[in-house]
Amino acid sequence: MNAAQTGPTSTGERLERIIGVVLRVGVTASSVCLAAGLVLEILGGPAAATGAVLLQVGIIVLLATPVARVVVSIVQYVNERDWAFVALTGIVLVELMASAVAALVFNKRL
């Protein structure tokens, strides 16, 4: 087996692999929380309160997954010393955070 078959041949492929893992973990964790929360809500009783919390956690994890992807990208670009992509990806992160803060402010939660 040659080097090309044993693993990523470039930092771009490595970044794609890491981002893939982050996205899969985020979506899986969110799906598990949402499914468990839904089941507990349907069962009712004292478990319904836990179900409501799990539903909220599932939504938060789902919303945080793209943010985690951007953070992973920034870390990788810093390691590569690719400052243009660090700046661009940093702008994307600031925009994601600004939209979250704006949503909270306009809904009077902050």
N, C-alpha and C. Protein backbone atom coordinates (compact mmCIF):
# COMPACT_ATOMS: atom_id res chain seq x y z
N MET A 1 0.85 -1.17 0.00
CA MET A 1 0.00 0.00 0.00
C MET A 1 0.89 1.23 0.00
N ASN A 2 0.63 2.19 -0.88
CA ASN A 2 1.45 3.38 -0.91
C ASN A 2 0.89 4.45 0.02
N ALA A 3 1.61 5.57 0.13
CA ALA A 3 1.24 6.62 1.08
C ALA A 3 -0.13 7.22 0.77
N ALA A 4 -0.48 7.30 -0.51
CA ALA A 4 -1.76 7.90 -0.88
C ALA A 4 -2.94 7.06 -0.41
N GLN A 5 -2.74 5.78 -0.20
CA GLN A 5 -3.84 4.91 0.21
C GLN A 5 -3.96 4.78 1.72
N THR A 6 -2.95 5.20 2.46
CA THR A 6 -2.97 5.00 3.90
C THR A 6 -3.59 6.15 4.66
N GLY A 7 -3.69 7.33 4.08
CA GLY A 7 -4.25 8.46 4.81
C GLY A 7 -4.33 9.68 3.95
N PRO A 8 -4.73 10.80 4.56
CA PRO A 8 -4.85 12.04 3.82
C PRO A 8 -3.51 12.47 3.24
N THR A 9 -3.53 12.95 2.01
CA THR A 9 -2.30 13.36 1.36
C THR A 9 -2.06 14.85 1.47
N SER A 10 -3.05 15.59 1.93
CA SER A 10 -2.86 17.03 2.06
C SER A 10 -3.58 17.53 3.30
N THR A 11 -3.22 18.74 3.70
CA THR A 11 -3.88 19.31 4.87
C THR A 11 -5.35 19.60 4.57
N GLY A 12 -5.67 19.85 3.29
CA GLY A 12 -7.08 20.07 2.91
C GLY A 12 -7.92 18.84 3.15
N GLU A 13 -7.37 17.68 2.80
CA GLU A 13 -8.10 16.43 3.04
C GLU A 13 -8.22 16.15 4.53
N ARG A 14 -7.20 16.49 5.28
CA ARG A 14 -7.23 16.30 6.74
C ARG A 14 -8.32 17.19 7.35
N LEU A 15 -8.38 18.44 6.90
CA LEU A 15 -9.40 19.36 7.39
C LEU A 15 -10.80 18.85 7.05
N GLU A 16 -10.98 18.37 5.84
CA GLU A 16 -12.28 17.82 5.45
C GLU A 16 -12.68 16.64 6.32
N ARG A 17 -11.70 15.79 6.64
CA ARG A 17 -11.98 14.61 7.48
C ARG A 17 -12.39 15.05 8.89
N ILE A 18 -11.66 16.01 9.45
CA ILE A 18 -11.98 16.49 10.80
C ILE A 18 -13.35 17.16 10.83
N ILE A 19 -13.62 17.99 9.83
CA ILE A 19 -14.92 18.66 9.77
C ILE A 19 -16.04 17.63 9.62
N GLY A 20 -15.80 16.60 8.84
CA GLY A 20 -16.80 15.54 8.69
C GLY A 20 -17.12 14.89 10.02
N VAL A 21 -16.09 14.64 10.82
CA VAL A 21 -16.29 14.03 12.14
C VAL A 21 -17.09 14.99 13.03
N VAL A 22 -16.73 16.27 13.03
CA VAL A 22 -17.43 17.25 13.86
C VAL A 22 -18.91 17.31 13.48
N LEU A 23 -19.18 17.35 12.19
CA LEU A 23 -20.58 17.43 11.74
C LEU A 23 -21.36 16.16 12.08
N ARG A 24 -20.73 15.00 11.89
CA ARG A 24 -21.42 13.74 12.21
C ARG A 24 -21.71 13.64 13.71
N VAL A 25 -20.74 13.99 14.53
CA VAL A 25 -20.93 13.92 15.98
C VAL A 25 -22.02 14.90 16.41
N GLY A 26 -22.00 16.11 15.87
CA GLY A 26 -23.00 17.10 16.24
C GLY A 26 -24.40 16.68 15.87
N VAL A 27 -24.58 16.20 14.65
CA VAL A 27 -25.91 15.79 14.20
C VAL A 27 -26.38 14.55 14.96
N THR A 28 -25.47 13.62 15.21
CA THR A 28 -25.85 12.41 15.95
C THR A 28 -26.24 12.74 17.39
N ALA A 29 -25.43 13.56 18.06
CA ALA A 29 -25.75 13.94 19.44
C ALA A 29 -27.08 14.68 19.50
N SER A 30 -27.30 15.59 18.56
CA SER A 30 -28.54 16.33 18.51
C SER A 30 -29.73 15.40 18.28
N SER A 31 -29.57 14.46 17.35
CA SER A 31 -30.66 13.53 17.04
C SER A 31 -31.01 12.65 18.24
N VAL A 32 -29.99 12.20 18.95
CA VAL A 32 -30.24 11.37 20.14
C VAL A 32 -30.99 12.17 21.20
N CYS A 33 -30.54 13.40 21.45
CA CYS A 33 -31.22 14.24 22.44
C CYS A 33 -32.66 14.53 22.03
N LEU A 34 -32.86 14.86 20.77
CA LEU A 34 -34.22 15.17 20.31
C LEU A 34 -35.12 13.94 20.38
N ALA A 35 -34.61 12.78 19.98
CA ALA A 35 -35.43 11.57 20.03
C ALA A 35 -35.78 11.19 21.46
N ALA A 36 -34.79 11.22 22.34
CA ALA A 36 -35.03 10.88 23.75
C ALA A 36 -36.00 11.89 24.37
N GLY A 37 -35.80 13.15 24.07
CA GLY A 37 -36.69 14.17 24.61
C GLY A 37 -38.12 14.01 24.13
N LEU A 38 -38.28 13.67 22.86
CA LEU A 38 -39.61 13.47 22.31
C LEU A 38 -40.30 12.28 22.97
N VAL A 39 -39.57 11.20 23.15
CA VAL A 39 -40.14 10.02 23.80
C VAL A 39 -40.57 10.35 25.23
N LEU A 40 -39.71 11.06 25.96
CA LEU A 40 -40.05 11.41 27.35
C LEU A 40 -41.23 12.37 27.40
N GLU A 41 -41.31 13.29 26.46
CA GLU A 41 -42.45 14.20 26.41
C GLU A 41 -43.75 13.44 26.15
N ILE A 42 -43.69 12.47 25.26
CA ILE A 42 -44.90 11.68 24.94
C ILE A 42 -45.34 10.85 26.13
N LEU A 43 -44.36 10.31 26.87
CA LEU A 43 -44.69 9.51 28.05
C LEU A 43 -45.36 10.34 29.13
N GLY A 44 -45.00 11.61 29.21
CA GLY A 44 -45.61 12.52 30.18
C GLY A 44 -45.14 12.24 31.60
N GLY A 45 -45.89 12.75 32.55
CA GLY A 45 -45.55 12.58 33.95
C GLY A 45 -44.28 13.33 34.31
N PRO A 46 -43.56 12.84 35.33
CA PRO A 46 -42.35 13.53 35.78
C PRO A 46 -41.24 13.51 34.71
N ALA A 47 -41.28 12.55 33.81
CA ALA A 47 -40.26 12.46 32.77
C ALA A 47 -40.41 13.57 31.74
N ALA A 48 -41.57 14.22 31.68
CA ALA A 48 -41.80 15.26 30.68
C ALA A 48 -40.87 16.45 30.88
N ALA A 49 -40.53 16.77 32.12
CA ALA A 49 -39.62 17.88 32.39
C ALA A 49 -38.23 17.58 31.83
N THR A 50 -37.78 16.35 32.03
CA THR A 50 -36.49 15.93 31.46
C THR A 50 -36.56 15.94 29.95
N GLY A 51 -37.68 15.52 29.41
CA GLY A 51 -37.87 15.52 27.97
C GLY A 51 -37.77 16.92 27.38
N ALA A 52 -38.36 17.89 28.06
CA ALA A 52 -38.30 19.28 27.59
C ALA A 52 -36.86 19.78 27.58
N VAL A 53 -36.11 19.44 28.61
CA VAL A 53 -34.69 19.84 28.67
C VAL A 53 -33.91 19.18 27.54
N LEU A 54 -34.14 17.90 27.31
CA LEU A 54 -33.44 17.20 26.23
C LEU A 54 -33.78 17.78 24.86
N LEU A 55 -35.01 18.19 24.66
CA LEU A 55 -35.38 18.82 23.40
C LEU A 55 -34.62 20.14 23.21
N GLN A 56 -34.52 20.91 24.25
CA GLN A 56 -33.78 22.17 24.17
C GLN A 56 -32.29 21.92 23.93
N VAL A 57 -31.74 20.93 24.61
CA VAL A 57 -30.33 20.59 24.41
C VAL A 57 -30.10 20.13 22.98
N GLY A 58 -31.01 19.34 22.45
CA GLY A 58 -30.88 18.86 21.08
C GLY A 58 -30.85 20.00 20.07
N ILE A 59 -31.70 20.99 20.28
CA ILE A 59 -31.73 22.15 19.38
C ILE A 59 -30.45 22.96 19.53
N ILE A 60 -29.99 23.16 20.75
CA ILE A 60 -28.76 23.93 20.98
C ILE A 60 -27.57 23.23 20.34
N VAL A 61 -27.48 21.92 20.49
CA VAL A 61 -26.37 21.17 19.87
C VAL A 61 -26.45 21.28 18.35
N LEU A 62 -27.64 21.19 17.81
CA LEU A 62 -27.80 21.30 16.36
C LEU A 62 -27.37 22.68 15.86
N LEU A 63 -27.71 23.72 16.60
CA LEU A 63 -27.31 25.07 16.22
C LEU A 63 -25.82 25.33 16.44
N ALA A 64 -25.24 24.65 17.41
CA ALA A 64 -23.81 24.85 17.71
C ALA A 64 -22.90 24.08 16.75
N THR A 65 -23.43 23.11 16.05
CA THR A 65 -22.61 22.29 15.16
C THR A 65 -21.91 23.10 14.07
N PRO A 66 -22.59 24.00 13.36
CA PRO A 66 -21.88 24.80 12.36
C PRO A 66 -20.84 25.72 12.98
N VAL A 67 -21.10 26.21 14.18
CA VAL A 67 -20.12 27.05 14.87
C VAL A 67 -18.87 26.25 15.18
N ALA A 68 -19.05 25.01 15.63
CA ALA A 68 -17.91 24.14 15.89
C ALA A 68 -17.11 23.88 14.63
N ARG A 69 -17.80 23.74 13.51
CA ARG A 69 -17.13 23.53 12.23
C ARG A 69 -16.26 24.72 11.87
N VAL A 70 -16.76 25.92 12.09
CA VAL A 70 -16.00 27.14 11.79
C VAL A 70 -14.79 27.25 12.73
N VAL A 71 -14.97 26.93 13.99
CA VAL A 71 -13.86 26.99 14.95
C VAL A 71 -12.77 25.99 14.56
N VAL A 72 -13.15 24.79 14.18
CA VAL A 72 -12.17 23.78 13.74
C VAL A 72 -11.41 24.30 12.52
N SER A 73 -12.12 24.93 11.61
CA SER A 73 -11.46 25.48 10.42
C SER A 73 -10.45 26.55 10.79
N ILE A 74 -10.83 27.44 11.71
CA ILE A 74 -9.90 28.49 12.14
C ILE A 74 -8.64 27.89 12.74
N VAL A 75 -8.80 26.90 13.61
CA VAL A 75 -7.65 26.26 14.24
C VAL A 75 -6.73 25.64 13.18
N GLN A 76 -7.32 24.96 12.22
CA GLN A 76 -6.52 24.34 11.16
C GLN A 76 -5.79 25.39 10.33
N TYR A 77 -6.48 26.47 9.99
CA TYR A 77 -5.83 27.51 9.19
C TYR A 77 -4.72 28.21 9.96
N VAL A 78 -4.89 28.36 11.27
CA VAL A 78 -3.80 28.94 12.09
C VAL A 78 -2.61 28.00 12.07
N ASN A 79 -2.85 26.70 12.21
CA ASN A 79 -1.75 25.72 12.16
C ASN A 79 -1.02 25.77 10.83
N GLU A 80 -1.76 26.04 9.75
CA GLU A 80 -1.16 26.13 8.42
C GLU A 80 -0.55 27.50 8.15
N ARG A 81 -0.79 28.44 9.05
CA ARG A 81 -0.35 29.84 8.89
C ARG A 81 -0.94 30.47 7.62
N ASP A 82 -2.18 30.13 7.35
CA ASP A 82 -2.89 30.67 6.20
C ASP A 82 -3.76 31.83 6.72
N TRP A 83 -3.13 32.99 6.86
CA TRP A 83 -3.75 34.11 7.55
C TRP A 83 -4.95 34.68 6.81
N ALA A 84 -4.96 34.59 5.49
CA ALA A 84 -6.12 35.08 4.75
C ALA A 84 -7.37 34.27 5.11
N PHE A 85 -7.22 32.94 5.16
CA PHE A 85 -8.36 32.10 5.52
C PHE A 85 -8.71 32.22 7.00
N VAL A 86 -7.72 32.49 7.84
CA VAL A 86 -8.01 32.74 9.26
C VAL A 86 -8.91 33.97 9.38
N ALA A 87 -8.56 35.02 8.65
CA ALA A 87 -9.35 36.25 8.70
C ALA A 87 -10.75 36.03 8.15
N LEU A 88 -10.85 35.40 7.00
CA LEU A 88 -12.16 35.17 6.39
C LEU A 88 -13.04 34.27 7.26
N THR A 89 -12.46 33.22 7.78
CA THR A 89 -13.24 32.30 8.62
C THR A 89 -13.59 32.97 9.95
N GLY A 90 -12.70 33.83 10.44
CA GLY A 90 -13.00 34.61 11.65
C GLY A 90 -14.19 35.52 11.44
N ILE A 91 -14.28 36.12 10.24
CA ILE A 91 -15.42 36.98 9.91
C ILE A 91 -16.71 36.15 9.91
N VAL A 92 -16.64 34.95 9.37
CA VAL A 92 -17.82 34.07 9.38
C VAL A 92 -18.24 33.75 10.81
N LEU A 93 -17.26 33.49 11.69
CA LEU A 93 -17.56 33.20 13.09
C LEU A 93 -18.20 34.40 13.77
N VAL A 94 -17.68 35.60 13.51
CA VAL A 94 -18.26 36.82 14.09
C VAL A 94 -19.69 37.00 13.59
N GLU A 95 -19.95 36.74 12.33
CA GLU A 95 -21.31 36.86 11.80
C GLU A 95 -22.25 35.84 12.43
N LEU A 96 -21.78 34.62 12.63
CA LEU A 96 -22.61 33.61 13.30
C LEU A 96 -22.96 34.05 14.72
N MET A 97 -21.96 34.55 15.43
CA MET A 97 -22.19 35.00 16.81
C MET A 97 -23.11 36.22 16.84
N ALA A 98 -22.91 37.15 15.90
CA ALA A 98 -23.75 38.34 15.85
C ALA A 98 -25.21 37.98 15.58
N SER A 99 -25.43 36.99 14.71
CA SER A 99 -26.81 36.59 14.43
C SER A 99 -27.45 35.94 15.65
N ALA A 100 -26.68 35.18 16.41
CA ALA A 100 -27.22 34.57 17.63
C ALA A 100 -27.56 35.64 18.66
N VAL A 101 -26.67 36.61 18.84
CA VAL A 101 -26.92 37.69 19.79
C VAL A 101 -28.12 38.52 19.34
N ALA A 102 -28.20 38.82 18.04
CA ALA A 102 -29.33 39.60 17.52
C ALA A 102 -30.64 38.87 17.76
N ALA A 103 -30.66 37.57 17.55
CA ALA A 103 -31.88 36.80 17.78
C ALA A 103 -32.29 36.87 19.25
N LEU A 104 -31.32 36.78 20.14
CA LEU A 104 -31.64 36.87 21.57
C LEU A 104 -32.11 38.26 21.95
N VAL A 105 -31.47 39.29 21.40
CA VAL A 105 -31.85 40.66 21.72
C VAL A 105 -33.25 40.97 21.19
N PHE A 106 -33.53 40.60 19.95
CA PHE A 106 -34.83 40.90 19.37
C PHE A 106 -35.95 40.09 20.02
N ASN A 107 -35.62 38.98 20.64
CA ASN A 107 -36.61 38.21 21.38
C ASN A 107 -36.59 38.55 22.85
N LYS A 108 -35.82 39.59 23.20
CA LYS A 108 -35.72 40.10 24.57
C LYS A 108 -35.28 39.04 25.58
N ARG A 109 -34.36 38.19 25.14
CA ARG A 109 -33.83 37.16 26.04
C ARG A 109 -32.45 37.54 26.56
N LEU A 110 -31.93 38.66 26.09
CA LEU A 110 -30.59 39.06 26.53
C LEU A 110 -30.64 40.47 27.04
